[in-house]
């Protein structure tokens, strides 16, 4: 009895190869998509981590800057206590000259300013306002130790912290961080006050008085 084999399709082999190639291409596409997804996810993760590190660094700079102003505030209060009328120093230079304070604290760590230097304290004082050595704006002239606690002694330009806000030193020595909007409002008012004492109640800037 003769054995018979099932008829074979001459296109069967090529069809199977075509299907295999299709499956391999589909598999490669899936692997590629997964790889791209993982890569994008990694980039996002690294970006978030980088943003978090940068944000933490900036927060640290703001805190360090506030610590500088706190030391300046203590020096101003000590100056006022030694003054017969309890007056704050006319300028930053007077506090640096007469009180135990370093020129380093007059430089915001996030600015490009460098500490004033010199062979003597007077030499550093002479250099302080020469440019590039002072990161803060003094507003304490005319204030006394009896001035309203909301009276501003010093503040900083918005550029110190990339326009994100600024630290402000008050007559009782406390420091507040102001948002960009608050800082813009206070800066504009302080400039228009033409040297008169300025108060800040957290929302509004007003002209203050030397004593309460």
N, C-alpha and C. Protein backbone atom coordinates (compact mmCIF):
# COMPACT_ATOMS: atom_id res chain seq x y z
N UNK A 1 0.87 -1.18 0.00
CA UNK A 1 0.00 0.00 0.00
C UNK A 1 0.89 1.22 0.00
N UNK A 2 0.64 2.08 -0.89
CA UNK A 2 1.48 3.26 -1.00
C UNK A 2 1.05 4.29 0.04
N UNK A 3 2.10 4.88 0.71
CA UNK A 3 1.80 5.94 1.69
C UNK A 3 1.71 7.27 0.96
N UNK A 4 0.83 8.03 1.44
CA UNK A 4 0.66 9.37 0.81
C UNK A 4 0.95 10.45 1.84
N UNK A 5 1.60 11.52 1.49
CA UNK A 5 1.84 12.65 2.39
C UNK A 5 0.87 13.77 2.02
N UNK A 6 0.55 14.53 3.05
CA UNK A 6 -0.36 15.63 2.77
C UNK A 6 0.26 16.61 1.79
N UNK A 7 -0.50 17.16 1.00
CA UNK A 7 0.03 18.10 0.02
C UNK A 7 0.67 19.31 0.72
N UNK A 8 1.75 19.74 0.24
CA UNK A 8 2.43 20.89 0.84
C UNK A 8 2.22 22.13 -0.01
N UNK A 9 2.09 23.28 0.76
CA UNK A 9 1.91 24.57 0.06
C UNK A 9 3.28 25.18 -0.14
N UNK A 10 3.68 25.43 -1.36
CA UNK A 10 5.00 26.00 -1.59
C UNK A 10 5.19 27.37 -0.93
N UNK A 11 4.08 28.07 -0.59
CA UNK A 11 4.19 29.38 0.05
C UNK A 11 4.19 29.29 1.57
N UNK A 12 4.03 28.06 2.11
CA UNK A 12 3.89 27.90 3.57
C UNK A 12 5.14 28.38 4.30
N UNK A 13 6.31 27.94 3.78
CA UNK A 13 7.57 28.28 4.45
C UNK A 13 7.79 29.78 4.44
N UNK A 14 7.56 30.42 3.32
CA UNK A 14 7.79 31.88 3.25
C UNK A 14 6.80 32.62 4.11
N UNK A 15 5.57 32.10 4.21
CA UNK A 15 4.56 32.74 5.06
C UNK A 15 4.98 32.67 6.52
N UNK A 16 5.48 31.47 6.92
CA UNK A 16 5.92 31.30 8.30
C UNK A 16 7.08 32.22 8.61
N UNK A 17 8.04 32.33 7.67
CA UNK A 17 9.18 33.23 7.88
C UNK A 17 8.71 34.67 8.00
N UNK A 18 7.75 35.03 7.16
CA UNK A 18 7.21 36.39 7.21
C UNK A 18 6.57 36.68 8.56
N UNK A 19 5.78 35.69 9.05
CA UNK A 19 5.13 35.87 10.35
C UNK A 19 6.15 35.95 11.47
N UNK A 20 7.20 35.12 11.38
CA UNK A 20 8.25 35.14 12.41
C UNK A 20 8.94 36.51 12.42
N UNK A 21 9.22 37.01 11.21
CA UNK A 21 9.86 38.31 11.14
C UNK A 21 8.95 39.40 11.71
N UNK A 22 7.68 39.29 11.46
CA UNK A 22 6.71 40.25 11.99
C UNK A 22 6.67 40.22 13.50
N UNK A 23 6.68 38.98 14.05
CA UNK A 23 6.68 38.87 15.52
C UNK A 23 7.95 39.44 16.12
N UNK A 24 9.08 39.19 15.43
CA UNK A 24 10.34 39.72 15.95
C UNK A 24 10.36 41.24 15.91
N UNK A 25 9.84 41.79 14.80
CA UNK A 25 9.77 43.25 14.71
C UNK A 25 8.85 43.83 15.78
N UNK A 26 7.73 43.18 16.00
CA UNK A 26 6.80 43.64 17.04
C UNK A 26 7.45 43.57 18.41
N UNK A 27 8.20 42.49 18.65
CA UNK A 27 8.89 42.32 19.92
C UNK A 27 9.94 43.40 20.12
N UNK A 28 10.67 43.70 19.01
CA UNK A 28 11.69 44.75 19.11
C UNK A 28 11.04 46.11 19.38
N UNK A 29 9.89 46.34 18.76
CA UNK A 29 9.20 47.61 19.00
C UNK A 29 8.77 47.74 20.45
N UNK A 30 8.30 46.64 21.02
CA UNK A 30 7.88 46.65 22.43
C UNK A 30 9.08 46.94 23.33
N UNK A 31 10.19 46.24 23.05
CA UNK A 31 11.40 46.45 23.85
C UNK A 31 11.86 47.90 23.73
N UNK A 32 11.81 48.43 22.48
CA UNK A 32 12.24 49.81 22.26
C UNK A 32 11.35 50.78 23.02
N UNK A 33 10.04 50.54 22.97
CA UNK A 33 9.12 51.43 23.69
C UNK A 33 9.36 51.38 25.18
N UNK A 34 9.58 50.17 25.70
CA UNK A 34 9.86 50.04 27.13
C UNK A 34 11.14 50.79 27.49
N UNK A 35 12.17 50.62 26.64
CA UNK A 35 13.45 51.29 26.89
C UNK A 35 13.28 52.81 26.88
N UNK A 36 12.51 53.29 25.88
CA UNK A 36 12.27 54.74 25.80
C UNK A 36 11.51 55.21 27.03
N UNK A 37 10.49 54.43 27.43
CA UNK A 37 9.71 54.79 28.61
C UNK A 37 10.57 54.85 29.86
N UNK A 38 11.44 53.85 30.01
CA UNK A 38 12.34 53.83 31.17
C UNK A 38 13.28 55.03 31.12
N UNK A 39 13.81 55.31 29.92
CA UNK A 39 14.72 56.45 29.77
C UNK A 39 14.06 57.76 30.11
N UNK A 40 12.84 57.96 29.59
CA UNK A 40 12.11 59.19 29.88
C UNK A 40 11.80 59.29 31.38
N UNK A 41 11.39 58.17 31.96
CA UNK A 41 11.11 58.16 33.39
C UNK A 41 12.34 58.50 34.21
N UNK A 42 13.49 57.97 33.78
CA UNK A 42 14.74 58.26 34.48
C UNK A 42 15.10 59.73 34.37
N UNK A 43 14.92 60.29 33.17
CA UNK A 43 15.21 61.71 32.98
C UNK A 43 14.31 62.58 33.85
N UNK A 44 13.03 62.21 33.91
CA UNK A 44 12.10 62.95 34.75
C UNK A 44 12.51 62.85 36.22
N UNK A 45 12.86 61.63 36.63
CA UNK A 45 13.29 61.40 38.02
C UNK A 45 14.51 62.23 38.35
N UNK A 46 15.50 62.21 37.44
CA UNK A 46 16.72 62.97 37.68
C UNK A 46 16.42 64.47 37.69
N UNK A 47 15.49 64.89 36.80
CA UNK A 47 15.12 66.30 36.77
C UNK A 47 14.46 66.73 38.07
N UNK A 48 13.55 65.88 38.58
CA UNK A 48 12.88 66.19 39.84
C UNK A 48 13.89 66.22 40.98
N UNK A 49 14.80 65.24 40.98
CA UNK A 49 15.83 65.21 42.02
C UNK A 49 16.71 66.45 41.93
N UNK A 50 17.08 66.82 40.69
CA UNK A 50 17.91 68.01 40.51
C UNK A 50 17.19 69.25 40.97
N UNK A 51 15.89 69.34 40.64
CA UNK A 51 15.10 70.49 41.09
C UNK A 51 15.03 70.52 42.60
N UNK A 52 14.84 69.34 43.21
CA UNK A 52 14.76 69.27 44.67
C UNK A 52 16.06 69.68 45.32
N UNK A 53 17.18 69.24 44.76
CA UNK A 53 18.49 69.61 45.30
C UNK A 53 18.71 71.11 45.16
N UNK A 54 18.34 71.65 44.00
CA UNK A 54 18.51 73.08 43.76
C UNK A 54 17.62 73.91 44.68
N UNK A 55 16.38 73.44 44.88
CA UNK A 55 15.47 74.13 45.78
C UNK A 55 15.99 74.11 47.22
N UNK A 56 16.52 72.95 47.64
CA UNK A 56 17.07 72.83 48.98
C UNK A 56 18.27 73.76 49.16
N UNK A 57 19.09 73.85 48.10
CA UNK A 57 20.25 74.73 48.16
C UNK A 57 19.82 76.18 48.31
N UNK A 58 18.80 76.57 47.54
CA UNK A 58 18.33 77.95 47.61
C UNK A 58 17.71 78.25 48.98
N UNK A 59 16.99 77.30 49.52
CA UNK A 59 16.43 77.49 50.86
C UNK A 59 17.54 77.68 51.89
N UNK A 60 18.59 76.90 51.74
CA UNK A 60 19.73 77.02 52.66
C UNK A 60 20.38 78.39 52.52
N UNK A 61 20.47 78.90 51.28
CA UNK A 61 21.04 80.21 51.06
C UNK A 61 20.18 81.30 51.70
N UNK A 62 18.86 81.15 51.58
CA UNK A 62 17.95 82.13 52.18
C UNK A 62 18.09 82.15 53.70
N UNK A 63 18.24 80.96 54.29
CA UNK A 63 18.39 80.85 55.74
C UNK A 63 19.72 81.46 56.18
N UNK A 64 20.77 81.17 55.41
CA UNK A 64 22.08 81.74 55.72
C UNK A 64 22.06 83.26 55.62
N UNK A 65 21.35 83.75 54.62
CA UNK A 65 21.21 85.19 54.42
C UNK A 65 20.46 85.81 55.61
N UNK A 66 19.40 85.14 56.05
CA UNK A 66 18.64 85.62 57.21
C UNK A 66 19.52 85.66 58.45
N UNK A 67 20.40 84.67 58.59
CA UNK A 67 21.33 84.64 59.73
C UNK A 67 22.27 85.85 59.68
N UNK A 68 22.70 86.23 58.47
CA UNK A 68 23.54 87.42 58.33
C UNK A 68 22.80 88.66 58.84
N UNK A 69 21.57 88.82 58.39
CA UNK A 69 20.79 89.99 58.80
C UNK A 69 20.51 89.97 60.30
N UNK A 70 20.34 88.78 60.86
CA UNK A 70 20.11 88.68 62.30
C UNK A 70 21.33 89.20 63.07
N UNK A 71 22.52 88.85 62.60
CA UNK A 71 23.74 89.35 63.25
C UNK A 71 23.87 90.86 63.08
N UNK A 72 23.51 91.35 61.90
CA UNK A 72 23.53 92.80 61.68
C UNK A 72 22.54 93.48 62.62
N UNK A 73 21.36 92.88 62.78
CA UNK A 73 20.35 93.43 63.68
C UNK A 73 20.83 93.50 65.12
N UNK A 74 21.52 92.45 65.58
CA UNK A 74 22.06 92.46 66.94
C UNK A 74 23.10 93.56 67.11
N UNK A 75 23.94 93.72 66.08
CA UNK A 75 24.95 94.78 66.14
C UNK A 75 24.30 96.16 66.20
N UNK A 76 23.22 96.35 65.44
CA UNK A 76 22.51 97.63 65.45
C UNK A 76 21.86 97.89 66.81
N UNK A 77 21.30 96.86 67.41
CA UNK A 77 20.69 97.00 68.73
C UNK A 77 21.73 97.32 69.79
N UNK A 78 22.90 96.66 69.71
CA UNK A 78 23.97 96.95 70.65
C UNK A 78 24.46 98.39 70.48
N UNK A 79 24.55 98.83 69.24
CA UNK A 79 24.94 100.21 68.96
C UNK A 79 23.93 101.17 69.60
N UNK A 80 22.63 100.88 69.43
CA UNK A 80 21.59 101.74 69.98
C UNK A 80 21.62 101.77 71.50
N UNK A 81 21.93 100.64 72.11
CA UNK A 81 21.99 100.60 73.58
C UNK A 81 23.14 101.43 74.12
N UNK A 82 24.21 101.55 73.33
CA UNK A 82 25.36 102.35 73.76
C UNK A 82 25.21 103.83 73.44
N UNK A 83 24.24 104.14 72.59
CA UNK A 83 24.03 105.53 72.20
C UNK A 83 23.19 106.25 73.26
N UNK A 84 23.56 107.47 73.64
CA UNK A 84 22.81 108.20 74.68
C UNK A 84 21.32 108.38 74.35
N UNK A 85 21.01 108.55 73.09
CA UNK A 85 19.59 108.70 72.68
C UNK A 85 19.00 107.39 72.16
N UNK A 86 19.73 106.32 72.26
CA UNK A 86 19.22 105.02 71.81
C UNK A 86 19.05 104.93 70.31
N UNK A 87 19.84 105.66 69.55
CA UNK A 87 19.69 105.71 68.10
C UNK A 87 20.42 104.54 67.42
N UNK A 88 19.82 104.05 66.37
CA UNK A 88 20.47 103.05 65.53
C UNK A 88 21.62 103.72 64.76
N UNK A 89 22.58 102.95 64.29
CA UNK A 89 23.71 103.56 63.56
C UNK A 89 23.22 104.27 62.30
N UNK A 90 23.85 105.38 61.93
CA UNK A 90 23.46 106.09 60.71
C UNK A 90 23.68 105.26 59.45
N UNK A 91 24.71 104.39 59.49
CA UNK A 91 25.05 103.56 58.32
C UNK A 91 25.51 102.19 58.79
N UNK A 92 25.55 101.25 57.87
CA UNK A 92 26.14 99.94 58.18
C UNK A 92 27.58 100.09 58.65
N UNK A 93 28.31 101.02 58.01
CA UNK A 93 29.72 101.20 58.33
C UNK A 93 29.95 101.49 59.81
N UNK A 94 29.03 102.24 60.43
CA UNK A 94 29.19 102.59 61.85
C UNK A 94 29.03 101.36 62.74
N UNK A 95 28.13 100.46 62.35
CA UNK A 95 27.97 99.22 63.12
C UNK A 95 29.21 98.35 62.97
N UNK A 96 29.76 98.26 61.75
CA UNK A 96 30.96 97.46 61.52
C UNK A 96 32.15 98.02 62.28
N UNK A 97 32.23 99.35 62.37
CA UNK A 97 33.37 99.98 63.02
C UNK A 97 33.32 99.84 64.54
N UNK A 98 32.11 99.94 65.12
CA UNK A 98 32.02 100.02 66.57
C UNK A 98 31.59 98.73 67.27
N UNK A 99 30.99 97.81 66.54
CA UNK A 99 30.49 96.59 67.17
C UNK A 99 31.30 95.37 66.73
N UNK A 100 31.15 94.31 67.50
CA UNK A 100 31.88 93.06 67.23
C UNK A 100 31.16 92.28 66.14
N UNK A 101 31.42 92.65 64.91
CA UNK A 101 30.74 92.04 63.77
C UNK A 101 31.72 91.97 62.60
N UNK A 102 31.58 90.94 61.78
CA UNK A 102 32.49 90.73 60.66
C UNK A 102 31.90 91.30 59.36
N UNK A 103 32.76 91.72 58.48
CA UNK A 103 32.32 92.21 57.17
C UNK A 103 31.67 91.10 56.34
N UNK A 104 31.92 89.85 56.71
CA UNK A 104 31.36 88.70 55.98
C UNK A 104 29.84 88.73 55.99
N UNK A 105 29.24 89.15 57.11
CA UNK A 105 27.79 89.09 57.25
C UNK A 105 27.07 90.13 56.40
N UNK A 106 27.81 91.04 55.80
CA UNK A 106 27.17 92.03 54.94
C UNK A 106 27.04 91.54 53.50
N UNK A 107 27.42 90.29 53.26
CA UNK A 107 27.33 89.71 51.92
C UNK A 107 26.34 88.55 51.91
N UNK A 108 25.31 88.66 51.08
CA UNK A 108 24.38 87.56 50.90
C UNK A 108 25.12 86.40 50.23
N UNK A 109 25.01 85.18 50.75
CA UNK A 109 25.74 84.05 50.16
C UNK A 109 25.30 83.70 48.75
N UNK A 110 24.14 84.20 48.32
CA UNK A 110 23.67 83.89 46.98
C UNK A 110 23.95 85.04 46.00
N UNK A 111 24.65 86.04 46.47
CA UNK A 111 25.03 87.15 45.60
C UNK A 111 26.47 86.97 45.14
N UNK A 112 26.93 87.87 44.31
CA UNK A 112 28.32 87.85 43.85
C UNK A 112 29.22 88.74 44.69
N UNK A 113 28.67 89.30 45.76
CA UNK A 113 29.45 90.20 46.61
C UNK A 113 30.49 89.42 47.42
N UNK A 114 31.60 90.08 47.70
CA UNK A 114 32.67 89.50 48.50
C UNK A 114 32.90 90.37 49.73
N UNK A 115 33.33 89.79 50.84
CA UNK A 115 33.53 90.58 52.07
C UNK A 115 34.59 91.67 51.89
N UNK A 116 34.29 92.83 52.47
CA UNK A 116 35.27 93.91 52.47
C UNK A 116 36.47 93.49 53.33
N UNK A 117 37.65 93.81 52.85
CA UNK A 117 38.87 93.41 53.56
C UNK A 117 39.80 94.60 53.72
N UNK A 118 40.74 94.43 54.62
CA UNK A 118 41.73 95.47 54.82
C UNK A 118 42.59 95.14 56.02
N UNK A 119 43.73 95.78 56.16
CA UNK A 119 44.63 95.49 57.29
C UNK A 119 44.05 95.93 58.63
N UNK A 120 43.08 96.84 58.60
CA UNK A 120 42.43 97.31 59.82
C UNK A 120 40.92 97.31 59.62
N UNK A 121 40.20 97.42 60.73
CA UNK A 121 38.73 97.51 60.63
C UNK A 121 38.32 98.74 59.85
N UNK A 122 39.03 99.83 60.05
CA UNK A 122 38.71 101.06 59.32
C UNK A 122 38.88 100.88 57.83
N UNK A 123 39.89 100.11 57.43
CA UNK A 123 40.12 99.86 56.00
C UNK A 123 38.96 99.06 55.42
N UNK A 124 38.47 98.08 56.19
CA UNK A 124 37.31 97.30 55.73
C UNK A 124 36.06 98.17 55.67
N UNK A 125 35.93 99.07 56.64
CA UNK A 125 34.79 99.99 56.66
C UNK A 125 34.82 100.89 55.42
N UNK A 126 35.98 101.39 55.08
CA UNK A 126 36.12 102.26 53.92
C UNK A 126 35.78 101.52 52.62
N UNK A 127 36.02 100.23 52.62
CA UNK A 127 35.78 99.45 51.40
C UNK A 127 34.34 98.94 51.30
N UNK A 128 33.61 98.92 52.42
CA UNK A 128 32.29 98.27 52.47
C UNK A 128 31.33 98.80 51.41
N UNK A 129 31.25 100.11 51.29
CA UNK A 129 30.30 100.71 50.35
C UNK A 129 30.93 101.05 49.00
N UNK A 130 32.14 100.54 48.77
CA UNK A 130 32.83 100.87 47.53
C UNK A 130 32.26 100.13 46.32
N UNK A 131 31.43 99.13 46.58
CA UNK A 131 30.84 98.35 45.49
C UNK A 131 31.31 96.92 45.51
N UNK A 132 30.35 95.98 45.48
CA UNK A 132 30.67 94.56 45.45
C UNK A 132 30.93 93.94 46.79
N UNK A 133 30.68 94.69 47.88
CA UNK A 133 30.95 94.17 49.22
C UNK A 133 29.74 94.30 50.16
N UNK A 134 28.62 94.78 49.64
CA UNK A 134 27.45 95.03 50.47
C UNK A 134 26.19 94.56 49.76
N UNK A 135 25.51 93.57 50.35
CA UNK A 135 24.34 92.95 49.70
C UNK A 135 23.01 93.48 50.22
N UNK A 136 23.05 94.34 51.23
CA UNK A 136 21.81 94.76 51.89
C UNK A 136 21.64 96.28 51.82
N UNK A 137 20.38 96.70 51.95
CA UNK A 137 20.03 98.12 51.89
C UNK A 137 19.64 98.57 53.30
N UNK A 138 20.30 99.59 53.78
CA UNK A 138 20.05 100.06 55.15
C UNK A 138 18.89 101.05 55.18
N UNK A 139 17.98 100.85 56.13
CA UNK A 139 16.84 101.75 56.28
C UNK A 139 16.65 102.14 57.74
N UNK A 140 17.70 101.93 58.56
CA UNK A 140 17.57 102.15 60.01
C UNK A 140 17.95 103.53 60.48
N UNK A 141 18.48 104.36 59.59
CA UNK A 141 18.85 105.71 60.02
C UNK A 141 17.63 106.45 60.51
N UNK A 142 17.72 107.02 61.70
CA UNK A 142 16.58 107.74 62.27
C UNK A 142 15.77 106.91 63.25
N UNK A 143 15.97 105.60 63.24
CA UNK A 143 15.27 104.74 64.20
C UNK A 143 15.97 104.77 65.55
N UNK A 144 15.23 104.47 66.58
CA UNK A 144 15.80 104.35 67.92
C UNK A 144 15.38 103.01 68.52
N UNK A 145 15.94 102.71 69.65
CA UNK A 145 15.64 101.45 70.31
C UNK A 145 14.17 101.39 70.74
N UNK A 146 13.50 102.52 70.72
CA UNK A 146 12.08 102.59 71.07
C UNK A 146 11.17 102.58 69.85
N UNK A 147 11.74 102.44 68.69
CA UNK A 147 10.93 102.44 67.46
C UNK A 147 9.99 101.24 67.40
N UNK A 148 8.92 101.41 66.64
CA UNK A 148 7.95 100.33 66.43
C UNK A 148 8.67 99.08 65.95
N UNK A 149 8.25 97.92 66.45
CA UNK A 149 8.91 96.66 66.07
C UNK A 149 8.70 96.32 64.61
N UNK A 150 7.73 96.95 63.95
CA UNK A 150 7.51 96.73 62.52
C UNK A 150 8.34 97.66 61.65
N UNK A 151 9.15 98.51 62.28
CA UNK A 151 10.01 99.41 61.52
C UNK A 151 11.15 98.62 60.89
N UNK A 152 11.47 98.95 59.67
CA UNK A 152 12.48 98.20 58.91
C UNK A 152 13.86 98.80 59.11
N UNK A 153 14.80 97.93 59.44
CA UNK A 153 16.19 98.34 59.61
C UNK A 153 16.97 98.09 58.32
N UNK A 154 16.73 96.96 57.69
CA UNK A 154 17.46 96.62 56.46
C UNK A 154 16.66 95.61 55.65
N UNK A 155 16.90 95.61 54.36
CA UNK A 155 16.30 94.63 53.47
C UNK A 155 17.27 94.39 52.32
N UNK A 156 16.94 93.48 51.44
CA UNK A 156 17.85 93.17 50.34
C UNK A 156 17.16 93.34 48.99
N UNK A 157 17.93 93.59 47.95
CA UNK A 157 17.33 93.67 46.62
C UNK A 157 16.87 92.29 46.16
N UNK A 158 15.84 92.28 45.32
CA UNK A 158 15.28 91.03 44.83
C UNK A 158 16.29 90.17 44.07
N UNK A 159 17.28 90.81 43.48
CA UNK A 159 18.26 90.06 42.68
C UNK A 159 19.07 89.08 43.53
N UNK A 160 19.14 89.33 44.84
CA UNK A 160 19.93 88.44 45.70
C UNK A 160 19.48 86.99 45.61
N UNK A 161 18.17 86.78 45.48
CA UNK A 161 17.63 85.42 45.47
C UNK A 161 16.84 85.14 44.20
N UNK A 162 17.36 85.62 43.08
CA UNK A 162 16.81 85.32 41.76
C UNK A 162 15.36 85.77 41.62
N UNK A 163 15.00 86.84 42.32
CA UNK A 163 13.65 87.38 42.20
C UNK A 163 12.59 86.58 42.94
N UNK A 164 13.00 85.65 43.79
CA UNK A 164 12.02 84.79 44.48
C UNK A 164 11.51 85.39 45.78
N UNK A 165 12.10 86.49 46.22
CA UNK A 165 11.69 87.11 47.48
C UNK A 165 12.90 87.73 48.16
N UNK A 166 12.70 88.20 49.39
CA UNK A 166 13.83 88.80 50.10
C UNK A 166 13.62 88.74 51.61
N UNK A 167 14.75 88.78 52.32
CA UNK A 167 14.74 88.84 53.77
C UNK A 167 14.67 90.31 54.21
N UNK A 168 13.95 90.54 55.31
CA UNK A 168 13.83 91.90 55.85
C UNK A 168 14.14 91.86 57.34
N UNK A 169 14.96 92.80 57.78
CA UNK A 169 15.33 92.94 59.20
C UNK A 169 14.50 94.04 59.83
N UNK A 170 13.91 93.75 61.00
CA UNK A 170 13.07 94.72 61.70
C UNK A 170 13.75 95.23 62.96
N UNK A 171 13.17 96.29 63.52
CA UNK A 171 13.81 97.01 64.63
C UNK A 171 14.01 96.17 65.88
N UNK A 172 13.20 95.16 66.09
CA UNK A 172 13.38 94.32 67.27
C UNK A 172 14.33 93.16 67.02
N UNK A 173 14.89 93.10 65.80
CA UNK A 173 15.87 92.06 65.48
C UNK A 173 15.32 90.85 64.76
N UNK A 174 14.00 90.76 64.57
CA UNK A 174 13.45 89.58 63.89
C UNK A 174 13.54 89.74 62.37
N UNK A 175 13.52 88.61 61.68
CA UNK A 175 13.65 88.58 60.22
C UNK A 175 12.38 87.97 59.62
N UNK A 176 11.90 88.57 58.56
CA UNK A 176 10.78 88.00 57.80
C UNK A 176 11.21 87.76 56.36
N UNK A 177 10.67 86.69 55.78
CA UNK A 177 10.88 86.43 54.34
C UNK A 177 9.66 86.93 53.60
N UNK A 178 9.85 87.81 52.63
CA UNK A 178 8.76 88.35 51.83
C UNK A 178 8.73 87.69 50.46
N UNK A 179 7.53 87.42 49.98
CA UNK A 179 7.37 86.86 48.64
C UNK A 179 7.76 87.91 47.60
N UNK A 180 7.82 87.48 46.35
CA UNK A 180 8.20 88.40 45.28
C UNK A 180 7.26 89.60 45.23
N UNK A 181 5.96 89.35 45.29
CA UNK A 181 4.98 90.44 45.22
C UNK A 181 5.13 91.39 46.40
N UNK A 182 5.29 90.84 47.61
CA UNK A 182 5.46 91.67 48.80
C UNK A 182 6.76 92.47 48.71
N UNK A 183 7.80 91.80 48.25
CA UNK A 183 9.12 92.44 48.16
C UNK A 183 9.09 93.61 47.17
N UNK A 184 8.42 93.43 46.05
CA UNK A 184 8.32 94.50 45.06
C UNK A 184 7.57 95.70 45.64
N UNK A 185 6.50 95.40 46.37
CA UNK A 185 5.70 96.47 46.97
C UNK A 185 6.52 97.24 48.01
N UNK A 186 7.22 96.50 48.88
CA UNK A 186 8.01 97.14 49.92
C UNK A 186 9.18 97.93 49.34
N UNK A 187 9.88 97.35 48.36
CA UNK A 187 11.02 98.03 47.75
C UNK A 187 10.61 99.34 47.11
N UNK A 188 9.50 99.32 46.37
CA UNK A 188 9.02 100.53 45.71
C UNK A 188 8.67 101.61 46.73
N UNK A 189 8.01 101.20 47.81
CA UNK A 189 7.62 102.17 48.83
C UNK A 189 8.84 102.72 49.55
N UNK A 190 9.80 101.85 49.89
CA UNK A 190 10.99 102.30 50.61
C UNK A 190 11.79 103.30 49.79
N UNK A 191 11.85 103.10 48.49
CA UNK A 191 12.56 104.03 47.63
C UNK A 191 11.85 105.38 47.56
N UNK A 192 10.52 105.34 47.57
CA UNK A 192 9.75 106.59 47.51
C UNK A 192 9.72 107.30 48.86
N UNK A 193 10.08 106.61 49.94
CA UNK A 193 10.03 107.21 51.28
C UNK A 193 11.15 108.21 51.49
N UNK A 194 12.15 108.20 50.62
CA UNK A 194 13.23 109.19 50.64
C UNK A 194 13.92 109.27 52.00
N UNK A 195 14.25 108.13 52.56
CA UNK A 195 15.02 108.11 53.81
C UNK A 195 14.18 108.15 55.08
N UNK A 196 12.89 108.33 54.96
CA UNK A 196 12.04 108.32 56.16
C UNK A 196 11.84 106.88 56.64
N UNK A 197 11.60 106.69 57.94
CA UNK A 197 11.38 105.33 58.45
C UNK A 197 10.21 104.65 57.76
N UNK A 198 10.35 103.36 57.52
CA UNK A 198 9.31 102.59 56.83
C UNK A 198 8.86 101.44 57.72
N UNK A 199 7.55 101.25 57.78
CA UNK A 199 6.96 100.13 58.52
C UNK A 199 6.37 99.13 57.55
N UNK A 200 6.38 97.87 57.95
CA UNK A 200 5.76 96.81 57.16
C UNK A 200 4.97 95.92 58.11
N UNK A 201 3.65 95.85 57.89
CA UNK A 201 2.80 95.08 58.81
C UNK A 201 2.48 93.69 58.26
N UNK A 202 3.17 93.28 57.21
CA UNK A 202 2.92 91.99 56.60
C UNK A 202 2.14 92.09 55.30
N UNK A 203 1.46 93.22 55.12
CA UNK A 203 0.68 93.44 53.90
C UNK A 203 0.93 94.80 53.29
N UNK A 204 1.11 95.80 54.14
CA UNK A 204 1.19 97.18 53.67
C UNK A 204 2.42 97.88 54.23
N UNK A 205 3.05 98.69 53.39
CA UNK A 205 4.16 99.51 53.82
C UNK A 205 3.66 100.92 54.09
N UNK A 206 4.10 101.52 55.20
CA UNK A 206 3.70 102.88 55.55
C UNK A 206 4.92 103.61 56.10
N UNK A 207 4.82 104.93 56.12
CA UNK A 207 5.89 105.73 56.73
C UNK A 207 5.73 105.63 58.23
N UNK A 208 6.83 105.29 58.91
CA UNK A 208 6.79 105.15 60.35
C UNK A 208 7.35 106.36 61.06
N UNK A 209 7.53 106.19 62.35
CA UNK A 209 8.13 107.26 63.17
C UNK A 209 9.35 106.69 63.87
N UNK A 210 10.22 107.54 64.33
CA UNK A 210 11.44 107.10 64.99
C UNK A 210 11.13 106.41 66.30
N UNK A 211 10.15 106.92 67.04
CA UNK A 211 9.85 106.34 68.35
C UNK A 211 8.37 105.96 68.43
N UNK A 212 8.07 105.01 69.31
CA UNK A 212 6.66 104.63 69.48
C UNK A 212 6.12 105.27 70.75
